[in-house]
Amino acid sequence: MVAGAPETGPPSAAAALTPDSFLPASERKADIIRPTSFPKARARFARETIRRRRKREEYFPAELFSDACWDILLDLYAAHYEGEAVSISSLCIAASVPQTTALRWIALLTNEGWLVRWADPNDRRRSYIKLSDRARGRLDAYFDDLPY
């Protein structure tokens, strides 16, 4: 079961008066999928975190919140639990910064042991990247520790 999944049926009168009832439906705690030990829930939670970060750009200039490193980690975290391989070029796009900036972050994170890089055996021009076990474990712990 996914923690935080909405219940079916009409809410009780007491539930209707909670602080969550004043929030838009998309931001109510009951509507937020909290990560659990299930891989699909973890991937959905990471993708929702990315979506919320991008939503800010509708209200504020994107450069106010530029955080390429976090975007890289979130994208690779979701991809891990979705069972998807991520190419370097795809990760540069996900970072939402100029390619040279993304490549610098990828190199730094790889050198520090947060990411693992390998060449495509079928196309030596392409490389793939994934989280190291240490990074994935830290992200698991981070998301498990969030207060909602």
N, C-alpha and C. Protein backbone atom coordinates (compact mmCIF):
# COMPACT_ATOMS: atom_id res chain seq x y z
N MET A 1 0.83 -1.19 0.00
CA MET A 1 0.00 0.00 0.00
C MET A 1 0.87 1.25 0.00
N VAL A 2 0.36 2.30 -0.58
CA VAL A 2 1.10 3.55 -0.65
C VAL A 2 0.62 4.46 0.45
N ALA A 3 1.54 4.89 1.32
CA ALA A 3 1.18 5.79 2.40
C ALA A 3 0.70 7.10 1.81
N GLY A 4 -0.34 7.65 2.39
CA GLY A 4 -0.83 8.94 1.95
C GLY A 4 -1.80 8.85 0.78
N ALA A 5 -2.21 7.62 0.37
CA ALA A 5 -3.15 7.50 -0.73
C ALA A 5 -4.51 7.99 -0.28
N PRO A 6 -5.22 8.70 -1.15
CA PRO A 6 -6.52 9.22 -0.75
C PRO A 6 -7.52 8.11 -0.49
N GLU A 7 -8.41 8.33 0.48
CA GLU A 7 -9.44 7.36 0.79
C GLU A 7 -10.59 7.57 -0.17
N THR A 8 -11.41 6.53 -0.32
CA THR A 8 -12.58 6.66 -1.17
C THR A 8 -13.76 7.05 -0.31
N GLY A 9 -14.79 7.61 -0.93
CA GLY A 9 -15.99 8.00 -0.21
C GLY A 9 -15.89 9.43 0.26
N PRO A 10 -17.02 9.98 0.73
CA PRO A 10 -17.03 11.38 1.16
C PRO A 10 -16.26 11.57 2.45
N PRO A 11 -15.59 12.72 2.61
CA PRO A 11 -14.85 12.97 3.85
C PRO A 11 -15.82 13.23 4.99
N SER A 12 -15.40 12.91 6.19
CA SER A 12 -16.23 13.18 7.36
C SER A 12 -16.21 14.67 7.65
N ALA A 13 -17.10 15.14 8.48
CA ALA A 13 -17.15 16.57 8.83
C ALA A 13 -15.87 17.00 9.50
N ALA A 14 -15.30 16.14 10.36
CA ALA A 14 -14.05 16.48 11.03
C ALA A 14 -12.91 16.60 10.04
N ALA A 15 -12.88 15.71 9.06
CA ALA A 15 -11.82 15.76 8.05
C ALA A 15 -11.94 17.01 7.19
N ALA A 16 -13.14 17.50 6.98
CA ALA A 16 -13.35 18.68 6.14
C ALA A 16 -12.80 19.94 6.77
N LEU A 17 -12.52 19.94 8.07
CA LEU A 17 -12.05 21.13 8.76
C LEU A 17 -10.56 21.09 9.08
N THR A 18 -9.83 20.18 8.47
CA THR A 18 -8.40 20.11 8.71
C THR A 18 -7.69 21.21 7.95
N PRO A 19 -6.45 21.56 8.35
CA PRO A 19 -5.70 22.59 7.60
C PRO A 19 -5.53 22.23 6.14
N ASP A 20 -5.44 20.93 5.83
CA ASP A 20 -5.30 20.50 4.44
C ASP A 20 -6.49 20.92 3.59
N SER A 21 -7.68 21.05 4.20
CA SER A 21 -8.87 21.35 3.41
C SER A 21 -8.81 22.73 2.79
N PHE A 22 -7.91 23.58 3.25
CA PHE A 22 -7.79 24.92 2.70
C PHE A 22 -6.77 24.99 1.57
N LEU A 23 -6.04 23.92 1.34
CA LEU A 23 -5.05 23.87 0.27
C LEU A 23 -5.69 23.41 -1.03
N PRO A 24 -5.08 23.79 -2.17
CA PRO A 24 -5.56 23.22 -3.44
C PRO A 24 -5.44 21.70 -3.38
N ALA A 25 -6.33 21.01 -4.07
CA ALA A 25 -6.35 19.54 -4.03
C ALA A 25 -4.99 18.94 -4.34
N SER A 26 -4.22 19.55 -5.25
CA SER A 26 -2.93 18.98 -5.64
C SER A 26 -1.87 19.07 -4.56
N GLU A 27 -2.11 19.89 -3.52
CA GLU A 27 -1.11 20.06 -2.47
C GLU A 27 -1.53 19.49 -1.13
N ARG A 28 -2.68 18.87 -1.04
CA ARG A 28 -3.12 18.28 0.23
C ARG A 28 -2.25 17.09 0.56
N LYS A 29 -1.92 16.94 1.84
CA LYS A 29 -1.06 15.84 2.26
C LYS A 29 -1.62 14.49 1.87
N ALA A 30 -2.93 14.34 1.93
CA ALA A 30 -3.54 13.07 1.57
C ALA A 30 -3.33 12.75 0.09
N ASP A 31 -3.10 13.79 -0.73
CA ASP A 31 -2.92 13.57 -2.16
C ASP A 31 -1.45 13.39 -2.54
N ILE A 32 -0.55 13.58 -1.61
CA ILE A 32 0.88 13.44 -1.89
C ILE A 32 1.26 11.99 -1.66
N ILE A 33 1.91 11.41 -2.64
CA ILE A 33 2.35 10.02 -2.50
C ILE A 33 3.68 10.02 -1.78
N ARG A 34 3.69 9.50 -0.58
CA ARG A 34 4.91 9.44 0.23
C ARG A 34 5.69 8.21 -0.20
N PRO A 35 7.01 8.33 -0.31
CA PRO A 35 7.79 7.16 -0.71
C PRO A 35 7.69 6.06 0.34
N THR A 36 7.68 4.87 -0.13
CA THR A 36 7.68 3.70 0.74
C THR A 36 8.74 2.77 0.19
N SER A 37 8.73 1.55 0.65
CA SER A 37 9.72 0.61 0.14
C SER A 37 9.39 0.17 -1.29
N PHE A 38 8.23 0.55 -1.81
CA PHE A 38 7.85 0.13 -3.15
C PHE A 38 8.52 1.01 -4.20
N PRO A 39 9.22 0.42 -5.16
CA PRO A 39 9.95 1.21 -6.16
C PRO A 39 9.08 2.18 -6.96
N LYS A 40 7.89 1.78 -7.38
CA LYS A 40 7.06 2.67 -8.19
C LYS A 40 6.64 3.91 -7.39
N ALA A 41 6.37 3.74 -6.11
CA ALA A 41 6.00 4.89 -5.27
C ALA A 41 7.18 5.83 -5.12
N ARG A 42 8.37 5.30 -4.96
CA ARG A 42 9.56 6.15 -4.86
C ARG A 42 9.77 6.93 -6.16
N ALA A 43 9.63 6.27 -7.29
CA ALA A 43 9.80 6.94 -8.58
C ALA A 43 8.75 8.04 -8.76
N ARG A 44 7.49 7.75 -8.44
CA ARG A 44 6.42 8.75 -8.57
C ARG A 44 6.69 9.94 -7.66
N PHE A 45 7.15 9.68 -6.46
CA PHE A 45 7.42 10.76 -5.52
C PHE A 45 8.54 11.66 -6.04
N ALA A 46 9.59 11.07 -6.57
CA ALA A 46 10.69 11.87 -7.13
C ALA A 46 10.22 12.67 -8.34
N ARG A 47 9.43 12.06 -9.22
CA ARG A 47 8.91 12.78 -10.39
C ARG A 47 7.99 13.92 -9.96
N GLU A 48 7.19 13.71 -8.92
CA GLU A 48 6.32 14.76 -8.41
C GLU A 48 7.16 15.90 -7.83
N THR A 49 8.26 15.58 -7.18
CA THR A 49 9.15 16.61 -6.65
C THR A 49 9.73 17.44 -7.79
N ILE A 50 10.12 16.78 -8.87
CA ILE A 50 10.63 17.49 -10.05
C ILE A 50 9.54 18.38 -10.64
N ARG A 51 8.33 17.83 -10.78
CA ARG A 51 7.22 18.60 -11.34
C ARG A 51 6.94 19.86 -10.51
N ARG A 52 6.97 19.72 -9.20
CA ARG A 52 6.74 20.88 -8.32
C ARG A 52 7.85 21.91 -8.48
N ARG A 53 9.08 21.47 -8.66
CA ARG A 53 10.19 22.41 -8.87
C ARG A 53 9.98 23.18 -10.17
N ARG A 54 9.54 22.50 -11.22
CA ARG A 54 9.31 23.15 -12.50
C ARG A 54 8.11 24.10 -12.43
N LYS A 55 7.14 23.77 -11.61
CA LYS A 55 5.95 24.61 -11.46
C LYS A 55 6.32 26.01 -10.96
N ARG A 56 7.36 26.12 -10.14
CA ARG A 56 7.79 27.42 -9.63
C ARG A 56 8.13 28.37 -10.77
N GLU A 57 8.62 27.83 -11.89
CA GLU A 57 9.05 28.65 -13.01
C GLU A 57 7.88 29.37 -13.69
N GLU A 58 6.65 28.98 -13.37
CA GLU A 58 5.49 29.71 -13.87
C GLU A 58 5.29 31.01 -13.09
N TYR A 59 5.89 31.10 -11.92
CA TYR A 59 5.67 32.24 -11.03
C TYR A 59 6.93 33.06 -10.77
N PHE A 60 8.09 32.44 -10.90
CA PHE A 60 9.37 33.09 -10.62
C PHE A 60 10.35 32.78 -11.73
N PRO A 61 11.34 33.64 -11.96
CA PRO A 61 12.37 33.33 -12.95
C PRO A 61 13.12 32.05 -12.57
N ALA A 62 13.35 31.19 -13.54
CA ALA A 62 13.98 29.89 -13.28
C ALA A 62 15.34 30.03 -12.61
N GLU A 63 16.10 31.08 -12.97
CA GLU A 63 17.45 31.22 -12.41
C GLU A 63 17.45 31.49 -10.91
N LEU A 64 16.33 31.90 -10.34
CA LEU A 64 16.26 32.09 -8.89
C LEU A 64 16.39 30.77 -8.14
N PHE A 65 16.02 29.68 -8.80
CA PHE A 65 16.01 28.38 -8.13
C PHE A 65 16.89 27.36 -8.82
N SER A 66 17.85 27.79 -9.59
CA SER A 66 18.71 26.87 -10.31
C SER A 66 19.44 25.95 -9.33
N ASP A 67 19.27 24.69 -9.52
CA ASP A 67 19.89 23.70 -8.64
C ASP A 67 20.14 22.43 -9.45
N ALA A 68 21.07 22.52 -10.39
CA ALA A 68 21.33 21.44 -11.32
C ALA A 68 21.70 20.13 -10.62
N CYS A 69 22.47 20.21 -9.57
CA CYS A 69 22.90 19.01 -8.86
C CYS A 69 21.68 18.25 -8.32
N TRP A 70 20.77 18.96 -7.70
CA TRP A 70 19.57 18.32 -7.13
C TRP A 70 18.70 17.74 -8.25
N ASP A 71 18.55 18.47 -9.35
CA ASP A 71 17.77 17.97 -10.48
C ASP A 71 18.38 16.69 -11.05
N ILE A 72 19.69 16.63 -11.12
CA ILE A 72 20.38 15.44 -11.61
C ILE A 72 20.11 14.26 -10.67
N LEU A 73 20.27 14.48 -9.39
CA LEU A 73 20.05 13.41 -8.42
C LEU A 73 18.60 12.92 -8.45
N LEU A 74 17.64 13.86 -8.50
CA LEU A 74 16.23 13.47 -8.53
C LEU A 74 15.89 12.68 -9.79
N ASP A 75 16.38 13.12 -10.93
CA ASP A 75 16.09 12.41 -12.16
C ASP A 75 16.66 11.00 -12.14
N LEU A 76 17.87 10.85 -11.67
CA LEU A 76 18.49 9.52 -11.61
C LEU A 76 17.82 8.64 -10.56
N TYR A 77 17.35 9.24 -9.49
CA TYR A 77 16.64 8.49 -8.45
C TYR A 77 15.35 7.91 -9.02
N ALA A 78 14.57 8.75 -9.69
CA ALA A 78 13.33 8.28 -10.30
C ALA A 78 13.63 7.21 -11.35
N ALA A 79 14.62 7.44 -12.19
CA ALA A 79 14.97 6.48 -13.24
C ALA A 79 15.39 5.14 -12.64
N HIS A 80 16.09 5.16 -11.52
CA HIS A 80 16.50 3.92 -10.86
C HIS A 80 15.27 3.08 -10.52
N TYR A 81 14.28 3.71 -9.90
CA TYR A 81 13.09 2.97 -9.48
C TYR A 81 12.13 2.69 -10.63
N GLU A 82 12.30 3.37 -11.74
CA GLU A 82 11.52 3.06 -12.94
C GLU A 82 12.19 1.99 -13.78
N GLY A 83 13.43 1.64 -13.41
CA GLY A 83 14.17 0.63 -14.16
C GLY A 83 14.67 1.13 -15.51
N GLU A 84 14.91 2.43 -15.62
CA GLU A 84 15.32 3.05 -16.88
C GLU A 84 16.80 3.43 -16.84
N ALA A 85 17.47 3.23 -17.97
CA ALA A 85 18.85 3.70 -18.11
C ALA A 85 18.79 5.17 -18.55
N VAL A 86 19.73 5.97 -18.09
CA VAL A 86 19.74 7.40 -18.41
C VAL A 86 21.05 7.73 -19.11
N SER A 87 20.93 8.27 -20.32
CA SER A 87 22.12 8.68 -21.06
C SER A 87 22.60 10.03 -20.52
N ILE A 88 23.87 10.31 -20.76
CA ILE A 88 24.43 11.60 -20.34
C ILE A 88 23.66 12.74 -21.00
N SER A 89 23.35 12.61 -22.29
CA SER A 89 22.64 13.70 -22.98
C SER A 89 21.25 13.92 -22.39
N SER A 90 20.56 12.86 -22.05
CA SER A 90 19.24 12.98 -21.42
C SER A 90 19.35 13.64 -20.05
N LEU A 91 20.37 13.28 -19.30
CA LEU A 91 20.56 13.86 -17.98
C LEU A 91 20.88 15.34 -18.06
N CYS A 92 21.60 15.75 -19.08
CA CYS A 92 21.90 17.18 -19.28
C CYS A 92 20.60 17.96 -19.49
N ILE A 93 19.69 17.39 -20.23
CA ILE A 93 18.40 18.04 -20.45
C ILE A 93 17.62 18.11 -19.14
N ALA A 94 17.62 17.03 -18.38
CA ALA A 94 16.88 16.99 -17.11
C ALA A 94 17.42 18.00 -16.11
N ALA A 95 18.70 18.33 -16.20
CA ALA A 95 19.31 19.27 -15.26
C ALA A 95 18.78 20.68 -15.46
N SER A 96 18.23 20.96 -16.62
CA SER A 96 17.60 22.26 -16.90
C SER A 96 18.57 23.43 -16.78
N VAL A 97 19.81 23.20 -17.19
CA VAL A 97 20.84 24.23 -17.23
C VAL A 97 21.62 24.04 -18.53
N PRO A 98 22.48 24.98 -18.90
CA PRO A 98 23.29 24.75 -20.10
C PRO A 98 24.06 23.43 -20.02
N GLN A 99 24.26 22.81 -21.15
CA GLN A 99 24.91 21.49 -21.20
C GLN A 99 26.28 21.50 -20.52
N THR A 100 27.06 22.55 -20.72
CA THR A 100 28.39 22.59 -20.10
C THR A 100 28.29 22.59 -18.58
N THR A 101 27.29 23.28 -18.04
CA THR A 101 27.09 23.30 -16.59
C THR A 101 26.69 21.91 -16.10
N ALA A 102 25.76 21.28 -16.81
CA ALA A 102 25.33 19.93 -16.43
C ALA A 102 26.49 18.95 -16.48
N LEU A 103 27.31 19.04 -17.52
CA LEU A 103 28.46 18.14 -17.63
C LEU A 103 29.46 18.34 -16.50
N ARG A 104 29.67 19.58 -16.08
CA ARG A 104 30.56 19.84 -14.93
C ARG A 104 30.00 19.19 -13.67
N TRP A 105 28.68 19.32 -13.44
CA TRP A 105 28.08 18.70 -12.26
C TRP A 105 28.17 17.18 -12.33
N ILE A 106 27.91 16.63 -13.49
CA ILE A 106 27.99 15.17 -13.66
C ILE A 106 29.41 14.69 -13.37
N ALA A 107 30.41 15.41 -13.88
CA ALA A 107 31.80 15.03 -13.63
C ALA A 107 32.13 15.12 -12.14
N LEU A 108 31.71 16.20 -11.51
CA LEU A 108 31.98 16.36 -10.07
C LEU A 108 31.31 15.27 -9.26
N LEU A 109 30.03 15.01 -9.53
CA LEU A 109 29.30 13.98 -8.78
C LEU A 109 29.88 12.59 -9.03
N THR A 110 30.37 12.35 -10.24
CA THR A 110 31.00 11.07 -10.55
C THR A 110 32.33 10.94 -9.82
N ASN A 111 33.14 11.99 -9.85
CA ASN A 111 34.44 11.96 -9.16
C ASN A 111 34.29 11.80 -7.65
N GLU A 112 33.20 12.34 -7.11
CA GLU A 112 32.96 12.24 -5.66
C GLU A 112 32.28 10.92 -5.26
N GLY A 113 31.96 10.08 -6.25
CA GLY A 113 31.38 8.78 -5.96
C GLY A 113 29.87 8.75 -5.81
N TRP A 114 29.19 9.83 -6.19
CA TRP A 114 27.74 9.87 -6.09
C TRP A 114 27.08 9.25 -7.33
N LEU A 115 27.79 9.28 -8.45
CA LEU A 115 27.27 8.74 -9.70
C LEU A 115 28.24 7.71 -10.26
N VAL A 116 27.71 6.81 -11.09
CA VAL A 116 28.51 5.79 -11.78
C VAL A 116 28.22 5.94 -13.27
N ARG A 117 29.28 5.98 -14.05
CA ARG A 117 29.17 6.19 -15.50
C ARG A 117 29.70 4.96 -16.22
N TRP A 118 29.06 4.59 -17.34
CA TRP A 118 29.56 3.49 -18.16
C TRP A 118 29.20 3.74 -19.62
N ALA A 119 30.00 3.16 -20.50
CA ALA A 119 29.81 3.33 -21.95
C ALA A 119 28.76 2.35 -22.46
N ASP A 120 28.00 2.79 -23.44
CA ASP A 120 27.04 1.93 -24.12
C ASP A 120 27.83 0.89 -24.90
N PRO A 121 27.62 -0.40 -24.64
CA PRO A 121 28.41 -1.43 -25.34
C PRO A 121 28.10 -1.49 -26.83
N ASN A 122 26.95 -0.97 -27.25
CA ASN A 122 26.57 -1.00 -28.67
C ASN A 122 26.94 0.27 -29.42
N ASP A 123 27.21 1.34 -28.68
CA ASP A 123 27.54 2.63 -29.31
C ASP A 123 28.52 3.35 -28.38
N ARG A 124 29.79 3.22 -28.66
CA ARG A 124 30.84 3.77 -27.78
C ARG A 124 30.78 5.29 -27.68
N ARG A 125 29.98 5.94 -28.52
CA ARG A 125 29.85 7.40 -28.44
C ARG A 125 28.90 7.81 -27.32
N ARG A 126 28.08 6.87 -26.86
CA ARG A 126 27.07 7.17 -25.85
C ARG A 126 27.49 6.61 -24.49
N SER A 127 27.26 7.39 -23.44
CA SER A 127 27.52 6.94 -22.07
C SER A 127 26.23 7.02 -21.26
N TYR A 128 26.16 6.15 -20.29
CA TYR A 128 25.03 6.14 -19.37
C TYR A 128 25.51 6.49 -17.98
N ILE A 129 24.59 6.90 -17.15
CA ILE A 129 24.93 7.31 -15.79
C ILE A 129 23.84 6.82 -14.85
N LYS A 130 24.22 6.49 -13.63
CA LYS A 130 23.26 6.09 -12.61
C LYS A 130 23.77 6.54 -11.25
N LEU A 131 22.90 6.48 -10.26
CA LEU A 131 23.30 6.78 -8.89
C LEU A 131 24.17 5.67 -8.36
N SER A 132 25.13 6.02 -7.54
CA SER A 132 25.87 4.99 -6.82
C SER A 132 24.95 4.44 -5.73
N ASP A 133 25.30 3.30 -5.18
CA ASP A 133 24.50 2.73 -4.09
C ASP A 133 24.44 3.70 -2.91
N ARG A 134 25.54 4.38 -2.65
CA ARG A 134 25.58 5.34 -1.54
C ARG A 134 24.59 6.47 -1.78
N ALA A 135 24.56 7.02 -2.99
CA ALA A 135 23.65 8.13 -3.31
C ALA A 135 22.20 7.67 -3.21
N ARG A 136 21.91 6.51 -3.77
CA ARG A 136 20.54 6.01 -3.71
C ARG A 136 20.10 5.78 -2.28
N GLY A 137 20.97 5.23 -1.47
CA GLY A 137 20.66 5.01 -0.06
C GLY A 137 20.40 6.31 0.68
N ARG A 138 21.20 7.32 0.40
CA ARG A 138 21.00 8.63 1.03
C ARG A 138 19.68 9.26 0.60
N LEU A 139 19.35 9.14 -0.69
CA LEU A 139 18.08 9.68 -1.17
C LEU A 139 16.90 8.91 -0.59
N ASP A 140 17.02 7.59 -0.48
CA ASP A 140 15.97 6.81 0.19
C ASP A 140 15.75 7.34 1.60
N ALA A 141 16.83 7.51 2.33
CA ALA A 141 16.73 7.98 3.72
C ALA A 141 16.15 9.39 3.77
N TYR A 142 16.57 10.25 2.86
CA TYR A 142 16.05 11.63 2.82
C TYR A 142 14.54 11.63 2.61
N PHE A 143 14.07 10.92 1.58
CA PHE A 143 12.64 10.92 1.30
C PHE A 143 11.84 10.23 2.41
N ASP A 144 12.41 9.18 3.00
CA ASP A 144 11.72 8.51 4.11
C ASP A 144 11.59 9.44 5.32
N ASP A 145 12.51 10.36 5.46
CA ASP A 145 12.53 11.23 6.64
C ASP A 145 11.70 12.51 6.50
N LEU A 146 11.17 12.77 5.30
CA LEU A 146 10.36 13.98 5.12
C LEU A 146 9.11 13.90 6.00
N PRO A 147 8.65 15.03 6.51
CA PRO A 147 7.58 15.04 7.51
C PRO A 147 6.16 14.91 6.97
N TYR A 148 5.95 14.47 5.75
CA TYR A 148 4.57 14.33 5.28
C TYR A 148 4.30 12.99 4.69
